Amino acid sequence: MTERKHDNSNTYKIIEVVGSSPNSSDEAIRNALADVVKTVKNVDWFEVTQCRGHVENGSIGHFQVGLKIGFRVEA
């Protein structure tokens, strides 16, 4: 196998998570990221893949946001 040349390119792994919040979709994203970075190193980006919510008694009970989170694979 050939040794990798040092440059600015990276290799990423992607995980999918769902964050939730009773207050907003923005807070659901922040909650998900806050939990992920506790156990995953080198988190660099996220992509929102889904946005949904739970309805309780005719009002929004909580927001759920699906995310793809990319983190750099260490060489």
N, C-alpha and C. Protein backbone atom coordinates (compact mmCIF):
# COMPACT_ATOMS: atom_id res chain seq x y z
N MET A 1 0.84 -1.18 0.00
CA MET A 1 0.00 0.00 0.00
C MET A 1 0.89 1.24 0.00
N THR A 2 0.51 2.23 -0.75
CA THR A 2 1.27 3.46 -0.86
C THR A 2 0.97 4.38 0.31
N GLU A 3 2.01 5.03 0.82
CA GLU A 3 1.82 5.97 1.93
C GLU A 3 1.12 7.22 1.41
N ARG A 4 0.23 7.75 2.21
CA ARG A 4 -0.53 8.94 1.82
C ARG A 4 0.36 10.17 1.87
N LYS A 5 0.25 10.99 0.84
CA LYS A 5 0.97 12.26 0.82
C LYS A 5 0.24 13.25 1.72
N HIS A 6 0.99 14.11 2.38
CA HIS A 6 0.38 15.11 3.25
C HIS A 6 -0.11 16.28 2.42
N ASP A 7 -1.40 16.52 2.49
CA ASP A 7 -2.00 17.66 1.82
C ASP A 7 -3.21 18.10 2.64
N ASN A 8 -4.05 18.92 2.07
CA ASN A 8 -5.20 19.43 2.80
C ASN A 8 -6.45 18.59 2.63
N SER A 9 -6.34 17.41 2.03
CA SER A 9 -7.52 16.57 1.86
C SER A 9 -7.75 15.73 3.12
N ASN A 10 -9.02 15.43 3.37
CA ASN A 10 -9.40 14.65 4.54
C ASN A 10 -10.34 13.54 4.13
N THR A 11 -10.44 12.54 4.98
CA THR A 11 -11.42 11.48 4.82
C THR A 11 -12.38 11.60 5.98
N TYR A 12 -13.68 11.49 5.69
CA TYR A 12 -14.71 11.66 6.71
C TYR A 12 -15.55 10.41 6.88
N LYS A 13 -16.02 10.20 8.08
CA LYS A 13 -17.02 9.19 8.37
C LYS A 13 -18.29 9.95 8.72
N ILE A 14 -19.44 9.40 8.37
CA ILE A 14 -20.71 10.06 8.61
C ILE A 14 -21.56 9.19 9.53
N ILE A 15 -22.14 9.83 10.55
CA ILE A 15 -23.12 9.16 11.40
C ILE A 15 -24.43 9.92 11.29
N GLU A 16 -25.52 9.25 11.60
CA GLU A 16 -26.83 9.91 11.58
C GLU A 16 -27.42 9.88 12.98
N VAL A 17 -27.94 11.02 13.40
CA VAL A 17 -28.55 11.15 14.72
C VAL A 17 -29.83 11.98 14.59
N VAL A 18 -30.65 11.95 15.63
CA VAL A 18 -31.84 12.78 15.71
C VAL A 18 -31.79 13.54 17.02
N GLY A 19 -31.83 14.87 16.93
CA GLY A 19 -31.89 15.71 18.13
C GLY A 19 -33.32 16.15 18.36
N SER A 20 -33.64 16.45 19.62
CA SER A 20 -34.99 16.91 19.93
C SER A 20 -34.96 18.06 20.93
N SER A 21 -36.05 18.81 20.93
CA SER A 21 -36.18 19.95 21.84
C SER A 21 -37.65 20.33 21.93
N PRO A 22 -38.10 20.74 23.10
CA PRO A 22 -39.47 21.24 23.21
C PRO A 22 -39.60 22.68 22.72
N ASN A 23 -38.47 23.36 22.46
CA ASN A 23 -38.49 24.79 22.16
C ASN A 23 -38.36 25.16 20.69
N SER A 24 -37.42 24.51 19.95
CA SER A 24 -37.20 24.91 18.55
C SER A 24 -36.38 23.86 17.81
N SER A 25 -36.44 23.93 16.48
CA SER A 25 -35.62 23.04 15.68
C SER A 25 -34.14 23.41 15.81
N ASP A 26 -33.85 24.69 15.95
CA ASP A 26 -32.47 25.14 16.16
C ASP A 26 -31.89 24.54 17.43
N GLU A 27 -32.66 24.55 18.50
CA GLU A 27 -32.20 23.97 19.75
C GLU A 27 -32.05 22.45 19.63
N ALA A 28 -32.90 21.81 18.84
CA ALA A 28 -32.77 20.36 18.62
C ALA A 28 -31.44 20.04 17.94
N ILE A 29 -31.03 20.86 16.97
CA ILE A 29 -29.74 20.69 16.31
C ILE A 29 -28.61 20.86 17.32
N ARG A 30 -28.68 21.92 18.10
CA ARG A 30 -27.63 22.20 19.10
C ARG A 30 -27.54 21.08 20.14
N ASN A 31 -28.69 20.55 20.56
CA ASN A 31 -28.69 19.46 21.53
C ASN A 31 -28.01 18.21 20.96
N ALA A 32 -28.34 17.90 19.70
CA ALA A 32 -27.73 16.73 19.06
C ALA A 32 -26.22 16.89 18.96
N LEU A 33 -25.76 18.05 18.49
CA LEU A 33 -24.32 18.29 18.36
C LEU A 33 -23.61 18.25 19.70
N ALA A 34 -24.22 18.84 20.71
CA ALA A 34 -23.62 18.85 22.05
C ALA A 34 -23.42 17.43 22.57
N ASP A 35 -24.38 16.55 22.31
CA ASP A 35 -24.25 15.16 22.75
C ASP A 35 -23.21 14.40 21.94
N VAL A 36 -23.19 14.61 20.62
CA VAL A 36 -22.26 13.88 19.76
C VAL A 36 -20.81 14.21 20.09
N VAL A 37 -20.51 15.50 20.27
CA VAL A 37 -19.10 15.88 20.50
C VAL A 37 -18.56 15.38 21.85
N LYS A 38 -19.43 14.89 22.71
CA LYS A 38 -18.97 14.29 23.97
C LYS A 38 -18.22 12.98 23.73
N THR A 39 -18.57 12.28 22.64
CA THR A 39 -17.97 10.96 22.39
C THR A 39 -17.29 10.80 21.04
N VAL A 40 -17.48 11.75 20.13
CA VAL A 40 -16.89 11.66 18.79
C VAL A 40 -15.89 12.79 18.62
N LYS A 41 -14.68 12.44 18.20
CA LYS A 41 -13.64 13.44 17.97
C LYS A 41 -13.69 13.94 16.53
N ASN A 42 -13.13 15.11 16.30
CA ASN A 42 -12.92 15.68 14.96
C ASN A 42 -14.21 15.96 14.20
N VAL A 43 -15.28 16.32 14.90
CA VAL A 43 -16.53 16.67 14.22
C VAL A 43 -16.31 17.98 13.46
N ASP A 44 -16.60 17.97 12.16
CA ASP A 44 -16.35 19.14 11.31
C ASP A 44 -17.60 19.75 10.69
N TRP A 45 -18.66 18.98 10.48
CA TRP A 45 -19.81 19.53 9.78
C TRP A 45 -21.06 18.72 10.09
N PHE A 46 -22.20 19.33 9.76
CA PHE A 46 -23.48 18.61 9.86
C PHE A 46 -24.37 19.01 8.70
N GLU A 47 -25.32 18.15 8.41
CA GLU A 47 -26.32 18.40 7.36
C GLU A 47 -27.68 18.02 7.92
N VAL A 48 -28.64 18.91 7.84
CA VAL A 48 -30.00 18.61 8.28
C VAL A 48 -30.66 17.76 7.20
N THR A 49 -31.13 16.59 7.59
CA THR A 49 -31.76 15.67 6.63
C THR A 49 -33.27 15.56 6.81
N GLN A 50 -33.74 15.86 8.03
CA GLN A 50 -35.18 15.77 8.31
C GLN A 50 -35.54 16.80 9.36
N CYS A 51 -36.76 17.25 9.29
CA CYS A 51 -37.28 18.13 10.33
C CYS A 51 -38.73 17.72 10.56
N ARG A 52 -39.04 17.36 11.78
CA ARG A 52 -40.41 16.94 12.09
C ARG A 52 -40.70 17.30 13.54
N GLY A 53 -41.92 17.06 13.95
CA GLY A 53 -42.29 17.37 15.32
C GLY A 53 -43.40 16.47 15.81
N HIS A 54 -43.62 16.56 17.07
CA HIS A 54 -44.67 15.79 17.73
C HIS A 54 -45.76 16.76 18.16
N VAL A 55 -47.01 16.43 17.86
CA VAL A 55 -48.13 17.30 18.20
C VAL A 55 -48.81 16.76 19.45
N GLU A 56 -49.00 17.66 20.41
CA GLU A 56 -49.70 17.31 21.65
C GLU A 56 -50.84 18.30 21.88
N ASN A 57 -52.05 17.81 21.95
CA ASN A 57 -53.23 18.64 22.19
C ASN A 57 -53.33 19.82 21.22
N GLY A 58 -53.01 19.58 19.94
CA GLY A 58 -53.14 20.60 18.92
C GLY A 58 -51.99 21.60 18.85
N SER A 59 -50.95 21.41 19.66
CA SER A 59 -49.79 22.30 19.66
C SER A 59 -48.51 21.48 19.49
N ILE A 60 -47.44 22.18 19.19
CA ILE A 60 -46.14 21.49 19.05
C ILE A 60 -45.67 21.02 20.42
N GLY A 61 -45.48 19.71 20.53
CA GLY A 61 -44.97 19.13 21.78
C GLY A 61 -43.45 19.19 21.82
N HIS A 62 -42.82 18.81 20.72
CA HIS A 62 -41.37 18.95 20.59
C HIS A 62 -40.96 18.81 19.14
N PHE A 63 -39.79 19.36 18.85
CA PHE A 63 -39.20 19.32 17.52
C PHE A 63 -38.19 18.18 17.45
N GLN A 64 -38.10 17.53 16.30
CA GLN A 64 -37.09 16.50 16.04
C GLN A 64 -36.38 16.84 14.74
N VAL A 65 -35.06 16.83 14.77
CA VAL A 65 -34.27 17.15 13.59
C VAL A 65 -33.27 16.04 13.33
N GLY A 66 -33.35 15.44 12.13
CA GLY A 66 -32.39 14.42 11.72
C GLY A 66 -31.14 15.08 11.15
N LEU A 67 -30.00 14.58 11.54
CA LEU A 67 -28.72 15.16 11.09
C LEU A 67 -27.78 14.07 10.62
N LYS A 68 -27.02 14.41 9.58
CA LYS A 68 -25.82 13.65 9.22
C LYS A 68 -24.67 14.47 9.79
N ILE A 69 -23.79 13.83 10.52
CA ILE A 69 -22.66 14.52 11.13
C ILE A 69 -21.39 13.91 10.59
N GLY A 70 -20.50 14.76 10.06
CA GLY A 70 -19.24 14.30 9.48
C GLY A 70 -18.08 14.58 10.43
N PHE A 71 -17.23 13.57 10.59
CA PHE A 71 -16.03 13.76 11.38
C PHE A 71 -14.84 13.17 10.66
N ARG A 72 -13.68 13.83 10.83
CA ARG A 72 -12.46 13.41 10.16
C ARG A 72 -11.94 12.10 10.73
N VAL A 73 -11.55 11.21 9.84
CA VAL A 73 -10.92 9.95 10.22
C VAL A 73 -9.44 10.24 10.43
N GLU A 74 -8.93 9.84 11.58
CA GLU A 74 -7.51 10.05 11.86
C GLU A 74 -6.68 9.04 11.09
N ALA A 75 -5.61 9.54 10.47
CA ALA A 75 -4.74 8.66 9.68
C ALA A 75 -3.76 7.93 10.57
